[in-house]
PDB file of N, CA and C in Angstrom:
ATOM      1  N   MET A   1       4.207  50.813 -32.833  1.00  0.00           N
ATOM      2  CA  MET A   1       4.812  50.532 -31.527  1.00  0.00           C
ATOM      3  C   MET A   1       3.883  49.668 -30.682  1.00  0.00           C
ATOM      4  N   LEU A   2       2.619  49.968 -30.726  1.00  0.00           N
ATOM      5  CA  LEU A   2       1.636  49.206 -29.955  1.00  0.00           C
ATOM      6  C   LEU A   2       1.512  47.777 -30.488  1.00  0.00           C
ATOM      7  N   SER A   3       1.549  47.639 -31.800  1.00  0.00           N
ATOM      8  CA  SER A   3       1.462  46.305 -32.389  1.00  0.00           C
ATOM      9  C   SER A   3       2.706  45.476 -32.027  1.00  0.00           C
ATOM     10  N   LEU A   4       3.866  46.100 -31.978  1.00  0.00           N
ATOM     11  CA  LEU A   4       5.083  45.411 -31.562  1.00  0.00           C
ATOM     12  C   LEU A   4       4.951  44.917 -30.118  1.00  0.00           C
ATOM     13  N   TYR A   5       4.369  45.750 -29.287  1.00  0.00           N
ATOM     14  CA  TYR A   5       4.132  45.390 -27.903  1.00  0.00           C
ATOM     15  C   TYR A   5       3.206  44.171 -27.814  1.00  0.00           C
ATOM     16  N   TYR A   6       2.140  44.162 -28.616  1.00  0.00           N
ATOM     17  CA  TYR A   6       1.213  43.028 -28.611  1.00  0.00           C
ATOM     18  C   TYR A   6       1.878  41.752 -29.135  1.00  0.00           C
ATOM     19  N   VAL A   7       2.699  41.901 -30.160  1.00  0.00           N
ATOM     20  CA  VAL A   7       3.411  40.735 -30.702  1.00  0.00           C
ATOM     21  C   VAL A   7       4.366  40.168 -29.643  1.00  0.00           C
ATOM     22  N   LEU A   8       5.070  41.055 -28.971  1.00  0.00           N
ATOM     23  CA  LEU A   8       5.990  40.624 -27.927  1.00  0.00           C
ATOM     24  C   LEU A   8       5.239  39.955 -26.781  1.00  0.00           C
ATOM     25  N   LEU A   9       4.144  40.545 -26.378  1.00  0.00           N
ATOM     26  CA  LEU A   9       3.327  39.984 -25.299  1.00  0.00           C
ATOM     27  C   LEU A   9       2.774  38.607 -25.686  1.00  0.00           C
ATOM     28  N   ASN A  10       2.326  38.506 -26.925  1.00  0.00           N
ATOM     29  CA  ASN A  10       1.802  37.230 -27.412  1.00  0.00           C
ATOM     30  C   ASN A  10       2.895  36.163 -27.434  1.00  0.00           C
ATOM     31  N   HIS A  11       4.068  36.557 -27.869  1.00  0.00           N
ATOM     32  CA  HIS A  11       5.199  35.624 -27.904  1.00  0.00           C
ATOM     33  C   HIS A  11       5.567  35.168 -26.484  1.00  0.00           C
ATOM     34  N   ILE A  12       5.592  36.106 -25.552  1.00  0.00           N
ATOM     35  CA  ILE A  12       5.906  35.769 -24.162  1.00  0.00           C
ATOM     36  C   ILE A  12       4.841  34.819 -23.612  1.00  0.00           C
ATOM     37  N   LYS A  13       3.598  35.093 -23.945  1.00  0.00           N
ATOM     38  CA  LYS A  13       2.512  34.237 -23.473  1.00  0.00           C
ATOM     39  C   LYS A  13       2.633  32.818 -24.047  1.00  0.00           C
ATOM     40  N   LYS A  14       2.934  32.726 -25.336  1.00  0.00           N
ATOM     41  CA  LYS A  14       3.100  31.410 -25.967  1.00  0.00           C
ATOM     42  C   LYS A  14       4.267  30.644 -25.348  1.00  0.00           C
ATOM     43  N   SER A  15       5.375  31.318 -25.167  1.00  0.00           N
ATOM     44  CA  SER A  15       6.544  30.642 -24.604  1.00  0.00           C
ATOM     45  C   SER A  15       6.276  30.215 -23.162  1.00  0.00           C
ATOM     46  N   PHE A  16       5.556  31.047 -22.411  1.00  0.00           N
ATOM     47  CA  PHE A  16       5.209  30.678 -21.044  1.00  0.00           C
ATOM     48  C   PHE A  16       4.293  29.451 -21.029  1.00  0.00           C
ATOM     49  N   LEU A  17       3.324  29.409 -21.939  1.00  0.00           N
ATOM     50  CA  LEU A  17       2.425  28.249 -22.019  1.00  0.00           C
ATOM     51  C   LEU A  17       3.185  26.991 -22.409  1.00  0.00           C
ATOM     52  N   GLU A  18       4.101  27.119 -23.339  1.00  0.00           N
ATOM     53  CA  GLU A  18       4.914  25.964 -23.727  1.00  0.00           C
ATOM     54  C   GLU A  18       5.775  25.481 -22.566  1.00  0.00           C
ATOM     55  N   LEU A  19       6.325  26.436 -21.828  1.00  0.00           N
ATOM     56  CA  LEU A  19       7.161  26.088 -20.681  1.00  0.00           C
ATOM     57  C   LEU A  19       6.341  25.376 -19.612  1.00  0.00           C
ATOM     58  N   THR A  20       5.175  25.888 -19.288  1.00  0.00           N
ATOM     59  CA  THR A  20       4.330  25.238 -18.279  1.00  0.00           C
ATOM     60  C   THR A  20       3.877  23.864 -18.766  1.00  0.00           C
ATOM     61  N   ASN A  21       3.633  23.740 -20.050  1.00  0.00           N
ATOM     62  CA  ASN A  21       3.243  22.437 -20.606  1.00  0.00           C
ATOM     63  C   ASN A  21       4.385  21.427 -20.476  1.00  0.00           C
ATOM     64  N   GLU A  22       5.596  21.865 -20.785  1.00  0.00           N
ATOM     65  CA  GLU A  22       6.752  20.974 -20.655  1.00  0.00           C
ATOM     66  C   GLU A  22       6.991  20.587 -19.200  1.00  0.00           C
ATOM     67  N   ILE A  23       6.850  21.562 -18.298  1.00  0.00           N
ATOM     68  CA  ILE A  23       7.025  21.269 -16.877  1.00  0.00           C
ATOM     69  C   ILE A  23       5.958  20.283 -16.409  1.00  0.00           C
ATOM     70  N   SER A  24       4.747  20.466 -16.887  1.00  0.00           N
ATOM     71  CA  SER A  24       3.652  19.562 -16.517  1.00  0.00           C
ATOM     72  C   SER A  24       3.923  18.144 -17.010  1.00  0.00           C
ATOM     73  N   THR A  25       4.357  17.994 -18.260  1.00  0.00           N
ATOM     74  CA  THR A  25       4.661  16.652 -18.779  1.00  0.00           C
ATOM     75  C   THR A  25       5.850  16.038 -18.035  1.00  0.00           C
ATOM     76  N   LEU A  26       6.815  16.874 -17.665  1.00  0.00           N
ATOM     77  CA  LEU A  26       7.964  16.370 -16.914  1.00  0.00           C
ATOM     78  C   LEU A  26       7.520  15.829 -15.561  1.00  0.00           C
ATOM     79  N   PHE A  27       6.656  16.584 -14.867  1.00  0.00           N
ATOM     80  CA  PHE A  27       6.164  16.116 -13.578  1.00  0.00           C
ATOM     81  C   PHE A  27       5.324  14.856 -13.727  1.00  0.00           C
ATOM     82  N   LYS A  28       4.557  14.770 -14.807  1.00  0.00           N
ATOM     83  CA  LYS A  28       3.777  13.551 -15.046  1.00  0.00           C
ATOM     84  C   LYS A  28       4.698  12.356 -15.253  1.00  0.00           C
ATOM     85  N   LYS A  29       5.768  12.544 -16.018  1.00  0.00           N
ATOM     86  CA  LYS A  29       6.715  11.450 -16.258  1.00  0.00           C
ATOM     87  C   LYS A  29       7.400  11.029 -14.966  1.00  0.00           C
ATOM     88  N   ILE A  30       7.825  12.019 -14.165  1.00  0.00           N
ATOM     89  CA  ILE A  30       8.478  11.712 -12.893  1.00  0.00           C
ATOM     90  C   ILE A  30       7.526  10.955 -11.983  1.00  0.00           C
ATOM     91  N   PHE A  31       6.269  11.397 -11.938  1.00  0.00           N
ATOM     92  CA  PHE A  31       5.267  10.736 -11.109  1.00  0.00           C
ATOM     93  C   PHE A  31       5.039   9.297 -11.573  1.00  0.00           C
ATOM     94  N   CYS A  32       4.983   9.092 -12.881  1.00  0.00           N
ATOM     95  CA  CYS A  32       4.797   7.740 -13.428  1.00  0.00           C
ATOM     96  C   CYS A  32       5.980   6.840 -13.069  1.00  0.00           C
ATOM     97  N   VAL A  33       7.177   7.385 -13.147  1.00  0.00           N
ATOM     98  CA  VAL A  33       8.371   6.603 -12.801  1.00  0.00           C
ATOM     99  C   VAL A  33       8.344   6.222 -11.322  1.00  0.00           C
ATOM    100  N   ILE A  34       7.961   7.176 -10.461  1.00  0.00           N
ATOM    101  CA  ILE A  34       7.896   6.900  -9.020  1.00  0.00           C
ATOM    102  C   ILE A  34       6.840   5.835  -8.734  1.00  0.00           C
ATOM    103  N   ILE A  35       5.679   5.955  -9.367  1.00  0.00           N
ATOM    104  CA  ILE A  35       4.608   4.975  -9.167  1.00  0.00           C
ATOM    105  C   ILE A  35       5.051   3.589  -9.638  1.00  0.00           C
ATOM    106  N   THR A  36       5.721   3.535 -10.784  1.00  0.00           N
ATOM    107  CA  THR A  36       6.208   2.252 -11.291  1.00  0.00           C
ATOM    108  C   THR A  36       7.245   1.640 -10.350  1.00  0.00           C
ATOM    109  N   PHE A  37       8.118   2.471  -9.818  1.00  0.00           N
ATOM    110  CA  PHE A  37       9.127   2.009  -8.873  1.00  0.00           C
ATOM    111  C   PHE A  37       8.466   1.432  -7.620  1.00  0.00           C
ATOM    112  N   ILE A  38       7.456   2.118  -7.111  1.00  0.00           N
ATOM    113  CA  ILE A  38       6.729   1.642  -5.926  1.00  0.00           C
ATOM    114  C   ILE A  38       6.020   0.319  -6.225  1.00  0.00           C
ATOM    115  N   LYS A  39       5.431   0.211  -7.414  1.00  0.00           N
ATOM    116  CA  LYS A  39       4.776  -1.049  -7.800  1.00  0.00           C
ATOM    117  C   LYS A  39       5.776  -2.192  -7.848  1.00  0.00           C
ATOM    118  N   ILE A  40       6.956  -1.944  -8.418  1.00  0.00           N
ATOM    119  CA  ILE A  40       7.986  -2.981  -8.513  1.00  0.00           C
ATOM    120  C   ILE A  40       8.442  -3.403  -7.113  1.00  0.00           C
ATOM    121  N   ILE A  41       8.627  -2.428  -6.223  1.00  0.00           N
ATOM    122  CA  ILE A  41       9.050  -2.741  -4.861  1.00  0.00           C
ATOM    123  C   ILE A  41       7.987  -3.590  -4.159  1.00  0.00           C
ATOM    124  N   PHE A  42       6.713  -3.214  -4.314  1.00  0.00           N
ATOM    125  CA  PHE A  42       5.654  -3.991  -3.687  1.00  0.00           C
ATOM    126  C   PHE A  42       5.570  -5.395  -4.277  1.00  0.00           C
ATOM    127  N   PHE A  43       5.749  -5.504  -5.575  1.00  0.00           N
ATOM    128  CA  PHE A  43       5.725  -6.820  -6.215  1.00  0.00           C
ATOM    129  C   PHE A  43       6.840  -7.715  -5.673  1.00  0.00           C
ATOM    130  N   ILE A  44       8.042  -7.162  -5.551  1.00  0.00           N
ATOM    131  CA  ILE A  44       9.179  -7.929  -5.036  1.00  0.00           C
ATOM    132  C   ILE A  44       8.938  -8.314  -3.580  1.00  0.00           C
ATOM    133  N   LEU A  45       8.402  -7.376  -2.799  1.00  0.00           N
ATOM    134  CA  LEU A  45       8.113  -7.676  -1.393  1.00  0.00           C
ATOM    135  C   LEU A  45       7.096  -8.800  -1.268  1.00  0.00           C
ATOM    136  N   ILE A  46       6.035  -8.723  -2.056  1.00  0.00           N
ATOM    137  CA  ILE A  46       5.007  -9.763  -2.021  1.00  0.00           C
ATOM    138  C   ILE A  46       5.592 -11.093  -2.489  1.00  0.00           C
ATOM    139  N   LEU A  47       6.422 -11.028  -3.522  1.00  0.00           N
ATOM    140  CA  LEU A  47       7.028 -12.244  -4.067  1.00  0.00           C
ATOM    141  C   LEU A  47       7.907 -12.936  -3.023  1.00  0.00           C
ATOM    142  N   PHE A  48       8.647 -12.149  -2.240  1.00  0.00           N
ATOM    143  CA  PHE A  48       9.521 -12.743  -1.245  1.00  0.00           C
ATOM    144  C   PHE A  48       8.810 -13.021   0.073  1.00  0.00           C
ATOM    145  N   LEU A  49       7.810 -12.242   0.405  1.00  0.00           N
ATOM    146  CA  LEU A  49       7.158 -12.419   1.700  1.00  0.00           C
ATOM    147  C   LEU A  49       6.115 -13.537   1.690  1.00  0.00           C
ATOM    148  N   TYR A  50       5.515 -13.775   0.559  1.00  0.00           N
ATOM    149  CA  TYR A  50       4.464 -14.780   0.499  1.00  0.00           C
ATOM    150  C   TYR A  50       4.965 -16.182   0.875  1.00  0.00           C
ATOM    151  N   PRO A  51       6.080 -16.655   0.294  1.00  0.00           N
ATOM    152  CA  PRO A  51       6.588 -17.975   0.717  1.00  0.00           C
ATOM    153  C   PRO A  51       7.014 -18.001   2.181  1.00  0.00           C
ATOM    154  N   ILE A  52       7.578 -16.900   2.665  1.00  0.00           N
ATOM    155  CA  ILE A  52       8.013 -16.844   4.065  1.00  0.00           C
ATOM    156  C   ILE A  52       6.796 -16.963   4.985  1.00  0.00           C
ATOM    157  N   ILE A  53       5.706 -16.293   4.652  1.00  0.00           N
ATOM    158  CA  ILE A  53       4.480 -16.360   5.449  1.00  0.00           C
ATOM    159  C   ILE A  53       3.923 -17.782   5.426  1.00  0.00           C
ATOM    160  N   ILE A  54       3.962 -18.410   4.272  1.00  0.00           N
ATOM    161  CA  ILE A  54       3.472 -19.789   4.163  1.00  0.00           C
ATOM    162  C   ILE A  54       4.330 -20.731   5.016  1.00  0.00           C
ATOM    163  N   ILE A  55       5.632 -20.564   4.960  1.00  0.00           N
ATOM    164  CA  ILE A  55       6.537 -21.421   5.732  1.00  0.00           C
ATOM    165  C   ILE A  55       6.313 -21.214   7.235  1.00  0.00           C
ATOM    166  N   ILE A  56       6.173 -19.965   7.649  1.00  0.00           N
ATOM    167  CA  ILE A  56       5.956 -19.669   9.067  1.00  0.00           C
ATOM    168  C   ILE A  56       4.623 -20.247   9.537  1.00  0.00           C
ATOM    169  N   SER A  57       3.610 -20.097   8.724  1.00  0.00           N
ATOM    170  CA  SER A  57       2.310 -20.655   9.113  1.00  0.00           C
ATOM    171  C   SER A  57       2.357 -22.190   9.170  1.00  0.00           C
ATOM    172  N   PHE A  58       3.104 -22.794   8.277  1.00  0.00           N
ATOM    173  CA  PHE A  58       3.251 -24.252   8.306  1.00  0.00           C
ATOM    174  C   PHE A  58       3.998 -24.702   9.561  1.00  0.00           C
ATOM    175  N   ILE A  59       5.027 -23.961   9.949  1.00  0.00           N
ATOM    176  CA  ILE A  59       5.778 -24.279  11.166  1.00  0.00           C
ATOM    177  C   ILE A  59       4.867 -24.141  12.391  1.00  0.00           C
ATOM    178  N   ILE A  60       4.075 -23.103  12.427  1.00  0.00           N
ATOM    179  CA  ILE A  60       3.133 -22.907  13.529  1.00  0.00           C
ATOM    180  C   ILE A  60       2.113 -24.053  13.561  1.00  0.00           C
ATOM    181  N   PHE A  61       1.658 -24.425  12.376  1.00  0.00           N
ATOM    182  CA  PHE A  61       0.723 -25.552  12.294  1.00  0.00           C
ATOM    183  C   PHE A  61       1.362 -26.834  12.831  1.00  0.00           C
ATOM    184  N   LEU A  62       2.632 -27.075  12.493  1.00  0.00           N
ATOM    185  CA  LEU A  62       3.317 -28.272  12.977  1.00  0.00           C
ATOM    186  C   LEU A  62       3.552 -28.217  14.487  1.00  0.00           C
ATOM    187  N   LEU A  63       3.795 -27.043  15.002  1.00  0.00           N
ATOM    188  CA  LEU A  63       4.037 -26.905  16.436  1.00  0.00           C
ATOM    189  C   LEU A  63       2.769 -27.196  17.238  1.00  0.00           C
ATOM    190  N   PHE A  64       1.636 -26.692  16.756  1.00  0.00           N
ATOM    191  CA  PHE A  64       0.391 -26.840  17.506  1.00  0.00           C
ATOM    192  C   PHE A  64      -0.511 -27.928  16.937  1.00  0.00           C
ATOM    193  N   GLU A  65       0.112 -28.876  16.276  1.00  0.00           N
ATOM    194  CA  GLU A  65      -0.670 -29.912  15.611  1.00  0.00           C
ATOM    195  C   GLU A  65      -1.267 -30.899  16.601  1.00  0.00           C
ATOM    196  N   ASP A  66      -0.565 -31.193  17.644  1.00  0.00           N
ATOM    197  CA  ASP A  66      -0.995 -32.232  18.572  1.00  0.00           C
ATOM    198  C   ASP A  66      -2.194 -31.820  19.420  1.00  0.00           C
ATOM    199  N   TYR A  67      -2.566 -30.559  19.439  1.00  0.00           N
ATOM    200  CA  TYR A  67      -3.709 -30.127  20.258  1.00  0.00           C
ATOM    201  C   TYR A  67      -5.024 -30.362  19.568  1.00  0.00           C
TER     202      TYR A  67
END
């Protein structure tokens, strides 16, 4: 009876460890996806904002050129 109890306890412990491991890998994957999404958003923002900043600075340069 005691050995059955230990086997059951060991099985519960193994399954709990496997479950926590799966949850941990799931959170790592979700975190990686979120980080990648943020990187893509920043890349797109930089890609679109950089020419706009250059154009605005050129317009400012043309406006204050005569001084």
